[in-house]
Amino acid sequence: MTSNTPLSRAFRQAVFPGSSSLGSSQSPADFLLGCISASTCSSYLSYISSIPRLTPTSCRQLAVDISYLGDILDDLGHPLSPELSSA
C-alpha cells in the first residue's frame, strides 16, 4: 500500500478549506466533515448576505432552511457556525 504524501501533509498541517485544526482524537473522516460543514456555513452565510431584500415570507422560509441545515449538521456532530446560527 502506497502512502499519499500530499494528503498526509494536508491532514497534518490542516490546510483544507474550512479547517481550524485536526484534534488528536479526531478521525480523518470527522475532520473532513468538519471542513465541509464550516465551508458550507460560510458559503451559505455569504449567499444570504448577498440577498438585497427579503419579504416576511422569505424570512420565515430562510429561518426554516437554516434550522434544517443546523439539524443535519448536528446529526453529523458539527453544529452551525456561530455567525450562521445568529443570522
N, C-alpha and C. Protein backbone atom coordinates (compact mmCIF):
# COMPACT_ATOMS: atom_id res chain seq x y z
N MET A 1 0.85 -1.17 0.00
CA MET A 1 0.00 0.00 0.00
C MET A 1 0.90 1.24 0.00
N THR A 2 0.65 2.15 -0.92
CA THR A 2 1.46 3.36 -1.01
C THR A 2 0.82 4.48 -0.21
N SER A 3 1.65 5.34 0.30
CA SER A 3 1.18 6.48 1.09
C SER A 3 0.95 7.67 0.17
N ASN A 4 -0.11 8.41 0.42
CA ASN A 4 -0.40 9.62 -0.32
C ASN A 4 0.20 10.78 0.47
N THR A 5 1.45 11.10 0.18
CA THR A 5 2.19 12.11 0.93
C THR A 5 1.51 13.47 0.96
N PRO A 6 1.04 14.01 -0.16
CA PRO A 6 0.38 15.32 -0.10
C PRO A 6 -0.87 15.30 0.78
N LEU A 7 -1.64 14.22 0.72
CA LEU A 7 -2.84 14.13 1.56
C LEU A 7 -2.45 14.02 3.03
N SER A 8 -1.44 13.23 3.33
CA SER A 8 -0.96 13.12 4.71
C SER A 8 -0.49 14.47 5.23
N ARG A 9 0.24 15.19 4.42
CA ARG A 9 0.73 16.51 4.81
C ARG A 9 -0.44 17.47 5.04
N ALA A 10 -1.45 17.39 4.18
CA ALA A 10 -2.61 18.27 4.33
C ALA A 10 -3.33 17.99 5.65
N PHE A 11 -3.44 16.73 6.03
CA PHE A 11 -4.06 16.40 7.31
C PHE A 11 -3.21 16.92 8.47
N ARG A 12 -1.92 16.72 8.41
CA ARG A 12 -1.03 17.17 9.50
C ARG A 12 -1.05 18.68 9.65
N GLN A 13 -1.07 19.39 8.54
CA GLN A 13 -1.00 20.85 8.58
C GLN A 13 -2.38 21.51 8.59
N ALA A 14 -3.44 20.70 8.49
CA ALA A 14 -4.81 21.20 8.49
C ALA A 14 -4.99 22.33 7.47
N VAL A 15 -4.66 22.04 6.21
CA VAL A 15 -4.73 23.05 5.16
C VAL A 15 -5.96 22.91 4.27
N PHE A 16 -6.98 22.22 4.76
CA PHE A 16 -8.21 22.09 4.00
C PHE A 16 -9.07 23.33 4.20
N PRO A 17 -9.84 23.72 3.18
CA PRO A 17 -10.76 24.84 3.37
C PRO A 17 -11.73 24.53 4.51
N GLY A 18 -11.94 25.49 5.37
CA GLY A 18 -12.86 25.30 6.49
C GLY A 18 -12.26 24.64 7.70
N SER A 19 -10.97 24.32 7.65
CA SER A 19 -10.36 23.63 8.79
C SER A 19 -9.81 24.63 9.79
N SER A 20 -9.84 24.22 11.03
CA SER A 20 -9.18 25.02 12.06
C SER A 20 -7.97 24.26 12.56
N SER A 21 -8.19 23.05 13.02
CA SER A 21 -7.07 22.19 13.41
C SER A 21 -7.57 20.77 13.53
N LEU A 22 -6.69 19.83 13.38
CA LEU A 22 -7.02 18.42 13.48
C LEU A 22 -6.72 17.98 14.90
N GLY A 23 -7.78 17.71 15.65
CA GLY A 23 -7.60 17.26 17.02
C GLY A 23 -7.00 15.86 17.05
N SER A 24 -6.28 15.56 18.11
CA SER A 24 -5.62 14.26 18.20
C SER A 24 -6.62 13.12 18.25
N SER A 25 -7.82 13.36 18.79
CA SER A 25 -8.81 12.29 18.88
C SER A 25 -9.78 12.31 17.70
N GLN A 26 -9.57 13.20 16.77
CA GLN A 26 -10.48 13.36 15.64
C GLN A 26 -10.04 12.47 14.49
N SER A 27 -10.98 11.70 13.96
CA SER A 27 -10.67 10.84 12.81
C SER A 27 -10.57 11.69 11.54
N PRO A 28 -9.89 11.17 10.54
CA PRO A 28 -9.83 11.92 9.27
C PRO A 28 -11.21 12.19 8.67
N ALA A 29 -12.13 11.22 8.79
CA ALA A 29 -13.48 11.42 8.25
C ALA A 29 -14.19 12.55 8.99
N ASP A 30 -14.05 12.58 10.31
CA ASP A 30 -14.67 13.63 11.10
C ASP A 30 -14.04 14.98 10.78
N PHE A 31 -12.74 14.99 10.58
CA PHE A 31 -12.04 16.22 10.19
C PHE A 31 -12.60 16.75 8.87
N LEU A 32 -12.75 15.86 7.89
CA LEU A 32 -13.27 16.29 6.59
C LEU A 32 -14.72 16.77 6.70
N LEU A 33 -15.54 16.08 7.51
CA LEU A 33 -16.91 16.54 7.72
C LEU A 33 -16.92 17.93 8.35
N GLY A 34 -16.01 18.16 9.28
CA GLY A 34 -15.90 19.49 9.89
C GLY A 34 -15.53 20.55 8.87
N CYS A 35 -14.61 20.22 7.99
CA CYS A 35 -14.21 21.16 6.92
C CYS A 35 -15.39 21.47 6.00
N ILE A 36 -16.11 20.42 5.63
CA ILE A 36 -17.26 20.58 4.74
C ILE A 36 -18.34 21.40 5.44
N SER A 37 -18.59 21.12 6.71
CA SER A 37 -19.61 21.86 7.47
C SER A 37 -19.25 23.33 7.58
N ALA A 38 -18.01 23.62 7.95
CA ALA A 38 -17.58 25.02 8.08
C ALA A 38 -17.65 25.75 6.75
N SER A 39 -17.23 25.09 5.68
CA SER A 39 -17.27 25.73 4.36
C SER A 39 -18.70 25.94 3.90
N THR A 40 -19.58 24.99 4.19
CA THR A 40 -20.98 25.13 3.82
C THR A 40 -21.61 26.31 4.55
N CYS A 41 -21.36 26.41 5.85
CA CYS A 41 -21.90 27.54 6.63
C CYS A 41 -21.38 28.86 6.10
N SER A 42 -20.11 28.92 5.80
CA SER A 42 -19.50 30.15 5.29
C SER A 42 -20.11 30.54 3.94
N SER A 43 -20.24 29.57 3.05
CA SER A 43 -20.82 29.84 1.73
C SER A 43 -22.28 30.26 1.84
N TYR A 44 -23.01 29.59 2.70
CA TYR A 44 -24.43 29.89 2.89
C TYR A 44 -24.61 31.30 3.44
N LEU A 45 -23.80 31.66 4.43
CA LEU A 45 -23.87 33.00 5.01
C LEU A 45 -23.50 34.06 3.97
N SER A 46 -22.52 33.76 3.15
CA SER A 46 -22.12 34.69 2.10
C SER A 46 -23.27 34.90 1.10
N TYR A 47 -23.92 33.81 0.75
CA TYR A 47 -25.06 33.89 -0.17
C TYR A 47 -26.20 34.70 0.45
N ILE A 48 -26.50 34.43 1.72
CA ILE A 48 -27.58 35.15 2.41
C ILE A 48 -27.27 36.64 2.45
N SER A 49 -26.03 36.97 2.70
CA SER A 49 -25.62 38.38 2.77
C SER A 49 -25.79 39.11 1.44
N SER A 50 -25.81 38.36 0.35
CA SER A 50 -25.93 38.99 -0.97
C SER A 50 -27.38 39.20 -1.39
N ILE A 51 -28.33 38.72 -0.59
CA ILE A 51 -29.74 38.90 -0.93
C ILE A 51 -30.13 40.35 -0.61
N PRO A 52 -30.57 41.11 -1.62
CA PRO A 52 -30.82 42.53 -1.40
C PRO A 52 -32.03 42.83 -0.51
N ARG A 53 -33.06 42.02 -0.62
CA ARG A 53 -34.29 42.32 0.12
C ARG A 53 -35.03 41.02 0.39
N LEU A 54 -35.55 40.88 1.60
CA LEU A 54 -36.33 39.71 1.97
C LEU A 54 -37.73 40.13 2.40
N THR A 55 -38.71 39.40 1.92
CA THR A 55 -40.09 39.63 2.37
C THR A 55 -40.29 38.86 3.68
N PRO A 56 -41.36 39.15 4.40
CA PRO A 56 -41.63 38.37 5.62
C PRO A 56 -41.73 36.86 5.35
N THR A 57 -42.34 36.50 4.23
CA THR A 57 -42.45 35.09 3.88
C THR A 57 -41.09 34.47 3.59
N SER A 58 -40.24 35.19 2.85
CA SER A 58 -38.92 34.66 2.54
C SER A 58 -38.05 34.60 3.79
N CYS A 59 -38.25 35.51 4.73
CA CYS A 59 -37.52 35.46 6.01
C CYS A 59 -37.88 34.21 6.78
N ARG A 60 -39.17 33.91 6.83
CA ARG A 60 -39.61 32.69 7.53
C ARG A 60 -39.03 31.45 6.86
N GLN A 61 -39.05 31.43 5.52
CA GLN A 61 -38.50 30.27 4.80
C GLN A 61 -37.01 30.14 5.03
N LEU A 62 -36.31 31.25 5.03
CA LEU A 62 -34.87 31.23 5.28
C LEU A 62 -34.58 30.70 6.67
N ALA A 63 -35.38 31.10 7.66
CA ALA A 63 -35.20 30.60 9.03
C ALA A 63 -35.42 29.09 9.08
N VAL A 64 -36.41 28.59 8.36
CA VAL A 64 -36.67 27.15 8.30
C VAL A 64 -35.50 26.44 7.64
N ASP A 65 -34.99 27.01 6.55
CA ASP A 65 -33.87 26.40 5.84
C ASP A 65 -32.61 26.34 6.70
N ILE A 66 -32.33 27.42 7.43
CA ILE A 66 -31.16 27.45 8.31
C ILE A 66 -31.33 26.41 9.42
N SER A 67 -32.53 26.32 9.97
CA SER A 67 -32.80 25.33 11.02
C SER A 67 -32.60 23.91 10.50
N TYR A 68 -33.06 23.66 9.28
CA TYR A 68 -32.91 22.34 8.67
C TYR A 68 -31.43 22.00 8.47
N LEU A 69 -30.67 22.95 7.96
CA LEU A 69 -29.22 22.74 7.80
C LEU A 69 -28.59 22.47 9.16
N GLY A 70 -29.01 23.23 10.18
CA GLY A 70 -28.49 23.02 11.53
C GLY A 70 -28.79 21.63 12.05
N ASP A 71 -30.00 21.13 11.78
CA ASP A 71 -30.36 19.77 12.21
C ASP A 71 -29.47 18.73 11.55
N ILE A 72 -29.22 18.90 10.27
CA ILE A 72 -28.37 17.95 9.55
C ILE A 72 -26.94 17.99 10.09
N LEU A 73 -26.40 19.19 10.26
CA LEU A 73 -25.04 19.30 10.76
C LEU A 73 -24.93 18.79 12.20
N ASP A 74 -25.95 19.03 13.02
CA ASP A 74 -25.95 18.49 14.38
C ASP A 74 -25.91 16.97 14.36
N ASP A 75 -26.68 16.37 13.45
CA ASP A 75 -26.67 14.90 13.34
C ASP A 75 -25.29 14.38 12.96
N LEU A 76 -24.53 15.18 12.22
CA LEU A 76 -23.18 14.79 11.83
C LEU A 76 -22.15 15.15 12.90
N GLY A 77 -22.58 15.84 13.95
CA GLY A 77 -21.68 16.21 15.03
C GLY A 77 -20.94 17.52 14.80
N HIS A 78 -21.44 18.32 13.88
CA HIS A 78 -20.81 19.60 13.56
C HIS A 78 -21.89 20.67 13.49
N PRO A 79 -22.09 21.42 14.58
CA PRO A 79 -23.17 22.41 14.60
C PRO A 79 -22.92 23.57 13.63
N LEU A 80 -23.99 24.34 13.43
CA LEU A 80 -23.87 25.56 12.61
C LEU A 80 -22.79 26.46 13.16
N SER A 81 -22.19 27.24 12.28
CA SER A 81 -21.21 28.24 12.74
C SER A 81 -21.96 29.27 13.58
N PRO A 82 -21.27 29.89 14.54
CA PRO A 82 -21.95 30.91 15.36
C PRO A 82 -22.53 32.06 14.52
N GLU A 83 -21.83 32.42 13.46
CA GLU A 83 -22.32 33.51 12.60
C GLU A 83 -23.63 33.12 11.92
N LEU A 84 -23.75 31.89 11.46
CA LEU A 84 -24.96 31.47 10.76
C LEU A 84 -26.09 31.20 11.75
N SER A 85 -25.78 30.69 12.91
CA SER A 85 -26.84 30.40 13.88
C SER A 85 -27.46 31.68 14.43
N SER A 86 -26.75 32.79 14.35
CA SER A 86 -27.31 34.07 14.80
C SER A 86 -27.91 34.86 13.66
N ALA A 87 -27.86 34.34 12.44
CA ALA A 87 -28.40 35.07 11.27
C ALA A 87 -29.90 35.05 11.27
